[in-house]
């Protein structure tokens, strides 16, 4: 039988070309081809001549820079504290750090509106302390909506920096810092001149991902009613995509900016030489802090985690409140909103649809991720390195741009109009979720293959097992714990995906959870209360799914460790 790489590489390349590269090219084609099919730069030039679009670019850049800086101010100290010291509650607090990644920030925006609105909790607290006039409350969101978008985005993304930097700090050679101390470098000087430069690749890569992610964030500005950013302008322009070619120009500029930044970051990372900082023979031991210094670290970690959780805690209070008007906390509580949310025509179907979309997308990620990882790590097929690079590119392509590309290739009269999301978005949503999260599964699968000795596969083949049978009966079971770990992360991030869901799900019958939350929030009356309740149900659903998946992963891993 033929070697698996002989058909795996072409099959994966075909899927990737149709559902990733082609949509991106279609997104750009509309910006450079007029209605008569002639090449033109008029649409792109007109975008830069439009003052509204230029203002959107400036605000978008400001949001990305502000969120990135805020993530650095939070993530760097937090990773240093957890990497270097043992302090009271460290183990439990570290388990809470990834939670913001699994809750989309636009859900928290519902709570922020109740905290910072004219009749919100902040004005009530200031009035109770005599610091403001209750008859003339300040609308903090109207005057500070821009900063609310930056803060919510940063509080969602700082774990990306924390985890990458923590891994880099754990891998550093501690002997270098000891040598610096013997030469008189201590405290902040040692941190600035030795520690942080050694983490430069991880630090730079993390900040680049955060910057790109923030550059096209859609959910937060939408629910904060801040429409002067490029992502919202694209979202609004989709309503007349057939008559407004300038939307293609906006999408093209966003795509070129993000891919260009990603390529530049990869180029700069290759030039960073930190080989001296790899782990040496010595192993870093965390220093046990006792007394006041230990509680200071605990207090700092608590402050960060509580601040990051505050928007979502406000959502819980909003959904549980019977009356929350011009008071610090709700004056009465009820569970009616949770019951009413489950009784709404959109809610239960949206939960079922999300589970269906995400389960199919995660299954597709597991298949594609393992196939690509096997071709890259285990085969000598030509083009495997290029395939690996292409499979990581979705990290640099915003979901907003991908969703726009899927709309472009599935419009009436286009080759894939049978998948038009106006009729049924299932295929496009599943593929969109899968493409966006494929890099996480791919890296997990590659790590598993690199850690597994080839001698096991060689032994199976020496006993007469052909390559496909070896792949199915030996390689796949041993790599399965890594695959499940990557699949867990892909499942969690896809469950509350915003951009793809808002754009591709156009009919009520096909709404996933995030689209249902957004549409409920636009309803007059109890709409925001029901949206908050659905947001809480979504958090509980995701927490349960992650817990079950983690148990399955740990049980499977322990089972293989006993073999």
Foldseek 3Di string as FASTA:
>chain_A
DDFPLVPLVVVLVVLCCVQPVQLLVLLQCLCQADPVRDGDNVLLVVLVVDPLSVLQQVLLLVLLVLLLVVLCVQQPVLLCLLQAADFPPSVVLVVLQLLLQLADLLLLLLLVCQQQAQFHQVQLVCVVVVNDDNVDGDRCLVVPVSVVLSVSLNLSQSVLLNVLLNVQQQFFACVVLVVVVVVPQDDPRSCVPPVVLLSVLSNLLSSLLSSLQSSQDDSSCVSSVNCSHLNNVLVVVVVPVVPRSSSSSSLNVSLCVLLVSVVVSVVVSVVRDNVVTGYDPDGRDHHYDDDPVSVVSVVSSVVSSCVSCVSLVSLVQLLFAPARTNHNGHPDGDNVLLVVLVVDPQQPLQAVLLVVLLVLLLVVLLVSLLSLLCCQPPHPDPPSVVVLVSLPCLSRRDLLSSLSSVCSQCPPPHPNVVCQLVVPVRVVLSSSLNSNLSVLLNVLLNVQVVVDDCVQLVVVVVVPQDNVRSCVPPVCLSSVLSNLVSSLVSSSNSSQDANNQCRRNDDSSNHHLNNQLSVLCPDPDCSSSSSSSSSVVSSVVSVVSSVVSVVVSVVSVVVVVVD
